[in-house]
PDB file of N, CA and C in Angstrom:
ATOM      1  N   MET A   1     -19.552 -66.468 -62.699  1.00  0.00           N
ATOM      2  CA  MET A   1     -19.602 -65.077 -62.468  1.00  0.00           C
ATOM      3  C   MET A   1     -18.236 -64.443 -62.243  1.00  0.00           C
ATOM      4  N   ALA A   2     -17.822 -63.453 -62.857  1.00  0.00           N
ATOM      5  CA  ALA A   2     -16.514 -62.809 -62.698  1.00  0.00           C
ATOM      6  C   ALA A   2     -16.367 -62.206 -61.180  1.00  0.00           C
ATOM      7  N   SER A   3     -15.187 -62.244 -60.662  1.00  0.00           N
ATOM      8  CA  SER A   3     -14.959 -61.758 -59.338  1.00  0.00           C
ATOM      9  C   SER A   3     -14.835 -60.259 -59.451  1.00  0.00           C
ATOM     10  N   ALA A   4     -15.028 -59.608 -58.217  1.00  0.00           N
ATOM     11  CA  ALA A   4     -14.882 -58.132 -58.239  1.00  0.00           C
ATOM     12  C   ALA A   4     -13.676 -57.696 -58.943  1.00  0.00           C
ATOM     13  N   ASN A   5     -12.506 -58.151 -58.545  1.00  0.00           N
ATOM     14  CA  ASN A   5     -11.247 -57.962 -59.019  1.00  0.00           C
ATOM     15  C   ASN A   5     -11.190 -58.097 -60.672  1.00  0.00           C
ATOM     16  N   GLU A   6     -11.792 -59.151 -61.138  1.00  0.00           N
ATOM     17  CA  GLU A   6     -11.804 -59.408 -62.555  1.00  0.00           C
ATOM     18  C   GLU A   6     -12.531 -58.311 -63.273  1.00  0.00           C
ATOM     19  N   LYS A   7     -13.786 -58.062 -62.573  1.00  0.00           N
ATOM     20  CA  LYS A   7     -14.498 -56.858 -63.260  1.00  0.00           C
ATOM     21  C   LYS A   7     -13.680 -55.497 -63.232  1.00  0.00           C
ATOM     22  N   TRP A   8     -13.097 -55.165 -62.252  1.00  0.00           N
ATOM     23  CA  TRP A   8     -12.274 -54.124 -62.078  1.00  0.00           C
ATOM     24  C   TRP A   8     -11.205 -54.092 -63.187  1.00  0.00           C
ATOM     25  N   LEU A   9     -10.525 -55.122 -63.270  1.00  0.00           N
ATOM     26  CA  LEU A   9      -9.534 -55.167 -64.289  1.00  0.00           C
ATOM     27  C   LEU A   9     -10.029 -55.084 -65.758  1.00  0.00           C
ATOM     28  N   SER A  10     -11.246 -55.518 -66.078  1.00  0.00           N
ATOM     29  CA  SER A  10     -11.880 -55.557 -67.244  1.00  0.00           C
ATOM     30  C   SER A  10     -12.116 -53.983 -67.698  1.00  0.00           C
ATOM     31  N   ILE A  11     -12.002 -53.054 -66.896  1.00  0.00           N
ATOM     32  CA  ILE A  11     -12.337 -51.688 -67.283  1.00  0.00           C
ATOM     33  C   ILE A  11     -10.805 -51.190 -67.823  1.00  0.00           C
ATOM     34  N   PRO A  12     -10.845 -50.502 -68.843  1.00  0.00           N
ATOM     35  CA  PRO A  12      -9.565 -50.035 -69.464  1.00  0.00           C
ATOM     36  C   PRO A  12      -8.838 -49.060 -68.348  1.00  0.00           C
ATOM     37  N   ARG A  13      -7.436 -49.295 -68.393  1.00  0.00           N
ATOM     38  CA  ARG A  13      -6.533 -48.780 -67.270  1.00  0.00           C
ATOM     39  C   ARG A  13      -6.749 -47.278 -67.156  1.00  0.00           C
ATOM     40  N   GLU A  14      -6.942 -46.441 -68.169  1.00  0.00           N
ATOM     41  CA  GLU A  14      -7.045 -45.057 -68.076  1.00  0.00           C
ATOM     42  C   GLU A  14      -8.360 -44.651 -67.442  1.00  0.00           C
ATOM     43  N   THR A  15      -9.301 -45.444 -67.701  1.00  0.00           N
ATOM     44  CA  THR A  15     -10.579 -45.279 -67.078  1.00  0.00           C
ATOM     45  C   THR A  15     -10.635 -45.655 -65.509  1.00  0.00           C
ATOM     46  N   ARG A  16      -9.943 -46.594 -65.204  1.00  0.00           N
ATOM     47  CA  ARG A  16      -9.747 -47.078 -63.697  1.00  0.00           C
ATOM     48  C   ARG A  16      -8.912 -45.839 -63.081  1.00  0.00           C
ATOM     49  N   GLU A  17      -8.027 -45.314 -63.541  1.00  0.00           N
ATOM     50  CA  GLU A  17      -7.306 -44.124 -63.074  1.00  0.00           C
ATOM     51  C   GLU A  17      -8.311 -43.028 -62.760  1.00  0.00           C
ATOM     52  N   LYS A  18      -9.163 -42.684 -63.794  1.00  0.00           N
ATOM     53  CA  LYS A  18     -10.061 -41.641 -63.537  1.00  0.00           C
ATOM     54  C   LYS A  18     -11.106 -41.921 -62.539  1.00  0.00           C
ATOM     55  N   LEU A  19     -11.496 -43.053 -62.411  1.00  0.00           N
ATOM     56  CA  LEU A  19     -12.429 -43.453 -61.352  1.00  0.00           C
ATOM     57  C   LEU A  19     -11.754 -43.337 -59.920  1.00  0.00           C
ATOM     58  N   ARG A  20     -10.571 -43.840 -59.758  1.00  0.00           N
ATOM     59  CA  ARG A  20      -9.621 -43.805 -58.554  1.00  0.00           C
ATOM     60  C   ARG A  20      -9.477 -42.180 -58.209  1.00  0.00           C
ATOM     61  N   ARG A  21      -9.487 -41.423 -59.169  1.00  0.00           N
ATOM     62  CA  ARG A  21      -9.199 -39.926 -58.752  1.00  0.00           C
ATOM     63  C   ARG A  21     -10.324 -39.168 -58.699  1.00  0.00           C
ATOM     64  N   ASN A  22     -11.714 -39.737 -58.706  1.00  0.00           N
ATOM     65  CA  ASN A  22     -12.838 -38.934 -58.753  1.00  0.00           C
ATOM     66  C   ASN A  22     -13.838 -39.660 -57.695  1.00  0.00           C
ATOM     67  N   VAL A  23     -13.379 -39.583 -56.414  1.00  0.00           N
ATOM     68  CA  VAL A  23     -14.131 -40.042 -55.374  1.00  0.00           C
ATOM     69  C   VAL A  23     -14.647 -39.050 -54.475  1.00  0.00           C
ATOM     70  N   TRP A  24     -15.742 -38.935 -53.948  1.00  0.00           N
ATOM     71  CA  TRP A  24     -16.158 -37.748 -53.197  1.00  0.00           C
ATOM     72  C   TRP A  24     -15.908 -38.085 -51.573  1.00  0.00           C
ATOM     73  N   CYS A  25     -15.280 -37.308 -51.083  1.00  0.00           N
ATOM     74  CA  CYS A  25     -14.905 -37.248 -49.588  1.00  0.00           C
ATOM     75  C   CYS A  25     -15.728 -36.294 -48.843  1.00  0.00           C
ATOM     76  N   THR A  26     -16.564 -36.907 -47.909  1.00  0.00           N
ATOM     77  CA  THR A  26     -17.537 -35.961 -47.140  1.00  0.00           C
ATOM     78  C   THR A  26     -16.754 -34.932 -46.320  1.00  0.00           C
ATOM     79  N   SER A  27     -15.501 -35.460 -45.686  1.00  0.00           N
ATOM     80  CA  SER A  27     -14.792 -34.754 -44.904  1.00  0.00           C
ATOM     81  C   SER A  27     -14.053 -33.507 -45.679  1.00  0.00           C
ATOM     82  N   CYS A  28     -13.556 -33.718 -46.722  1.00  0.00           N
ATOM     83  CA  CYS A  28     -12.959 -32.639 -47.454  1.00  0.00           C
ATOM     84  C   CYS A  28     -13.948 -31.851 -48.231  1.00  0.00           C
ATOM     85  N   GLY A  29     -15.051 -32.325 -48.507  1.00  0.00           N
ATOM     86  CA  GLY A  29     -16.033 -31.710 -49.335  1.00  0.00           C
ATOM     87  C   GLY A  29     -15.659 -31.553 -50.788  1.00  0.00           C
ATOM     88  N   LYS A  30     -15.026 -32.447 -51.264  1.00  0.00           N
ATOM     89  CA  LYS A  30     -14.611 -32.308 -52.694  1.00  0.00           C
ATOM     90  C   LYS A  30     -14.113 -33.871 -53.219  1.00  0.00           C
ATOM     91  N   GLU A  31     -13.942 -33.734 -54.479  1.00  0.00           N
ATOM     92  CA  GLU A  31     -13.426 -35.002 -55.126  1.00  0.00           C
ATOM     93  C   GLU A  31     -12.010 -35.264 -54.839  1.00  0.00           C
ATOM     94  N   VAL A  32     -11.510 -36.545 -54.501  1.00  0.00           N
ATOM     95  CA  VAL A  32     -10.311 -36.713 -54.084  1.00  0.00           C
ATOM     96  C   VAL A  32      -9.917 -38.200 -54.788  1.00  0.00           C
ATOM     97  N   GLU A  33      -8.621 -38.534 -54.468  1.00  0.00           N
ATOM     98  CA  GLU A  33      -8.213 -39.781 -54.890  1.00  0.00           C
ATOM     99  C   GLU A  33      -8.276 -40.776 -53.795  1.00  0.00           C
ATOM    100  N   ILE A  34      -8.663 -42.066 -54.055  1.00  0.00           N
ATOM    101  CA  ILE A  34      -8.895 -43.024 -53.188  1.00  0.00           C
ATOM    102  C   ILE A  34      -7.564 -43.918 -53.160  1.00  0.00           C
ATOM    103  N   VAL A  35      -7.206 -44.111 -51.856  1.00  0.00           N
ATOM    104  CA  VAL A  35      -5.949 -45.006 -51.631  1.00  0.00           C
ATOM    105  C   VAL A  35      -6.131 -46.110 -50.673  1.00  0.00           C
ATOM    106  N   GLY A  36      -5.370 -47.207 -50.729  1.00  0.00           N
ATOM    107  CA  GLY A  36      -5.534 -48.220 -49.839  1.00  0.00           C
ATOM    108  C   GLY A  36      -6.878 -48.875 -49.870  1.00  0.00           C
ATOM    109  N   TYR A  37      -7.343 -49.065 -51.249  1.00  0.00           N
ATOM    110  CA  TYR A  37      -8.670 -49.494 -51.440  1.00  0.00           C
ATOM    111  C   TYR A  37      -8.754 -51.034 -51.499  1.00  0.00           C
ATOM    112  N   VAL A  38     -10.050 -51.580 -51.349  1.00  0.00           N
ATOM    113  CA  VAL A  38     -10.207 -52.928 -51.554  1.00  0.00           C
ATOM    114  C   VAL A  38     -11.410 -52.981 -52.654  1.00  0.00           C
ATOM    115  N   ILE A  39     -11.556 -54.026 -53.197  1.00  0.00           N
ATOM    116  CA  ILE A  39     -12.719 -54.051 -54.295  1.00  0.00           C
ATOM    117  C   ILE A  39     -13.713 -55.131 -53.819  1.00  0.00           C
ATOM    118  N   ASP A  40     -15.042 -54.706 -53.688  1.00  0.00           N
ATOM    119  CA  ASP A  40     -16.002 -55.630 -53.318  1.00  0.00           C
ATOM    120  C   ASP A  40     -17.000 -55.677 -54.292  1.00  0.00           C
ATOM    121  N   GLN A  41     -17.895 -56.881 -54.351  1.00  0.00           N
ATOM    122  CA  GLN A  41     -19.003 -57.132 -55.179  1.00  0.00           C
ATOM    123  C   GLN A  41     -20.078 -56.394 -54.607  1.00  0.00           C
ATOM    124  N   ASP A  42     -21.039 -55.883 -55.435  1.00  0.00           N
ATOM    125  CA  ASP A  42     -22.290 -55.219 -55.277  1.00  0.00           C
ATOM    126  C   ASP A  42     -23.277 -55.800 -56.200  1.00  0.00           C
ATOM    127  N   ARG A  43     -24.596 -55.456 -55.761  1.00  0.00           N
ATOM    128  CA  ARG A  43     -25.609 -56.143 -56.704  1.00  0.00           C
ATOM    129  C   ARG A  43     -25.585 -55.347 -58.127  1.00  0.00           C
ATOM    130  N   PHE A  44     -25.120 -54.118 -58.147  1.00  0.00           N
ATOM    131  CA  PHE A  44     -25.082 -53.359 -59.203  1.00  0.00           C
ATOM    132  C   PHE A  44     -23.685 -53.289 -59.967  1.00  0.00           C
ATOM    133  N   GLY A  45     -22.648 -53.889 -59.337  1.00  0.00           N
ATOM    134  CA  GLY A  45     -21.374 -53.957 -59.942  1.00  0.00           C
ATOM    135  C   GLY A  45     -20.278 -54.223 -58.791  1.00  0.00           C
ATOM    136  N   ILE A  46     -19.405 -53.075 -58.737  1.00  0.00           N
ATOM    137  CA  ILE A  46     -18.382 -53.205 -57.777  1.00  0.00           C
ATOM    138  C   ILE A  46     -18.234 -51.953 -56.960  1.00  0.00           C
ATOM    139  N   ILE A  47     -17.544 -52.102 -55.742  1.00  0.00           N
ATOM    140  CA  ILE A  47     -17.391 -50.928 -54.837  1.00  0.00           C
ATOM    141  C   ILE A  47     -15.925 -50.838 -54.436  1.00  0.00           C
ATOM    142  N   LEU A  48     -15.338 -49.655 -54.706  1.00  0.00           N
ATOM    143  CA  LEU A  48     -14.069 -49.359 -54.131  1.00  0.00           C
ATOM    144  C   LEU A  48     -14.221 -48.814 -52.786  1.00  0.00           C
ATOM    145  N   LYS A  49     -13.545 -49.439 -51.652  1.00  0.00           N
ATOM    146  CA  LYS A  49     -13.633 -48.944 -50.423  1.00  0.00           C
ATOM    147  C   LYS A  49     -12.212 -48.706 -49.926  1.00  0.00           C
ATOM    148  N   GLY A  50     -11.978 -47.453 -49.535  1.00  0.00           N
ATOM    149  CA  GLY A  50     -10.643 -47.086 -49.027  1.00  0.00           C
ATOM    150  C   GLY A  50     -10.574 -45.826 -48.170  1.00  0.00           C
ATOM    151  N   LYS A  51      -9.482 -45.098 -48.394  1.00  0.00           N
ATOM    152  CA  LYS A  51      -9.340 -43.934 -47.645  1.00  0.00           C
ATOM    153  C   LYS A  51      -9.128 -42.704 -48.582  1.00  0.00           C
ATOM    154  N   CYS A  52      -9.438 -41.489 -48.089  1.00  0.00           N
ATOM    155  CA  CYS A  52      -9.181 -40.283 -48.805  1.00  0.00           C
ATOM    156  C   CYS A  52      -7.743 -39.960 -48.850  1.00  0.00           C
ATOM    157  N   ALA A  53      -7.005 -39.743 -49.999  1.00  0.00           N
ATOM    158  CA  ALA A  53      -5.596 -39.493 -50.062  1.00  0.00           C
ATOM    159  C   ALA A  53      -5.343 -38.192 -49.347  1.00  0.00           C
ATOM    160  N   ILE A  54      -6.128 -37.320 -49.104  1.00  0.00           N
ATOM    161  CA  ILE A  54      -5.783 -35.945 -48.392  1.00  0.00           C
ATOM    162  C   ILE A  54      -5.996 -35.969 -46.862  1.00  0.00           C
ATOM    163  N   CYS A  55      -7.177 -36.594 -46.410  1.00  0.00           N
ATOM    164  CA  CYS A  55      -7.421 -36.576 -44.943  1.00  0.00           C
ATOM    165  C   CYS A  55      -7.517 -37.885 -44.323  1.00  0.00           C
ATOM    166  N   GLY A  56      -7.527 -39.064 -45.160  1.00  0.00           N
ATOM    167  CA  GLY A  56      -7.548 -40.275 -44.490  1.00  0.00           C
ATOM    168  C   GLY A  56      -8.958 -40.786 -44.174  1.00  0.00           C
ATOM    169  N   HIS A  57     -10.075 -40.086 -44.323  1.00  0.00           N
ATOM    170  CA  HIS A  57     -11.427 -40.461 -44.162  1.00  0.00           C
ATOM    171  C   HIS A  57     -11.890 -41.569 -44.957  1.00  0.00           C
ATOM    172  N   ASP A  58     -12.730 -42.396 -44.457  1.00  0.00           N
ATOM    173  CA  ASP A  58     -13.379 -43.623 -45.306  1.00  0.00           C
ATOM    174  C   ASP A  58     -14.066 -42.989 -46.315  1.00  0.00           C
ATOM    175  N   VAL A  59     -13.758 -43.480 -47.551  1.00  0.00           N
ATOM    176  CA  VAL A  59     -14.553 -43.168 -48.881  1.00  0.00           C
ATOM    177  C   VAL A  59     -14.898 -44.284 -49.520  1.00  0.00           C
ATOM    178  N   ALA A  60     -15.828 -44.314 -50.492  1.00  0.00           N
ATOM    179  CA  ALA A  60     -16.138 -45.467 -51.267  1.00  0.00           C
ATOM    180  C   ALA A  60     -16.674 -44.877 -52.668  1.00  0.00           C
ATOM    181  N   ARG A  61     -16.513 -45.743 -53.793  1.00  0.00           N
ATOM    182  CA  ARG A  61     -16.907 -45.464 -55.077  1.00  0.00           C
ATOM    183  C   ARG A  61     -17.750 -46.704 -55.548  1.00  0.00           C
ATOM    184  N   VAL A  62     -19.003 -46.425 -55.894  1.00  0.00           N
ATOM    185  CA  VAL A  62     -19.632 -47.428 -56.595  1.00  0.00           C
ATOM    186  C   VAL A  62     -19.580 -47.325 -58.217  1.00  0.00           C
ATOM    187  N   ILE A  63     -19.182 -48.506 -58.618  1.00  0.00           N
ATOM    188  CA  ILE A  63     -18.890 -48.650 -60.104  1.00  0.00           C
ATOM    189  C   ILE A  63     -19.981 -49.542 -60.868  1.00  0.00           C
ATOM    190  N   GLU A  64     -21.133 -48.963 -61.330  1.00  0.00           N
ATOM    191  CA  GLU A  64     -22.106 -49.821 -61.991  1.00  0.00           C
ATOM    192  C   GLU A  64     -21.590 -50.585 -63.220  1.00  0.00           C
ATOM    193  N   MET A  65     -21.903 -51.897 -63.124  1.00  0.00           N
ATOM    194  CA  MET A  65     -21.446 -52.788 -64.289  1.00  0.00           C
ATOM    195  C   MET A  65     -22.511 -53.535 -64.819  1.00  0.00           C
ATOM    196  N   GLY A  66     -22.647 -53.476 -66.202  1.00  0.00           N
ATOM    197  CA  GLY A  66     -23.800 -54.252 -66.823  1.00  0.00           C
ATOM    198  C   GLY A  66     -23.336 -55.811 -66.900  1.00  0.00           C
ATOM    199  N   GLU A  67     -24.381 -56.644 -66.562  1.00  0.00           N
ATOM    200  CA  GLU A  67     -24.049 -58.008 -66.593  1.00  0.00           C
ATOM    201  C   GLU A  67     -24.398 -58.697 -67.997  1.00  0.00           C
TER     202      GLU A  67
END
């Protein structure tokens, strides 16, 4: 089975950039860029866990991956 990082890197670069810049921040109440993130495995794919680039609030983005 591929690691979370391998799955993330298997996504085309421009798509990864779009995903990083389209994360919901509950504190800001809008889509923001995620910074300082880590990539974790999830049963549906991968999760980016990091901080909002605007306010620093914890944010996450689930990316479903077909197996």
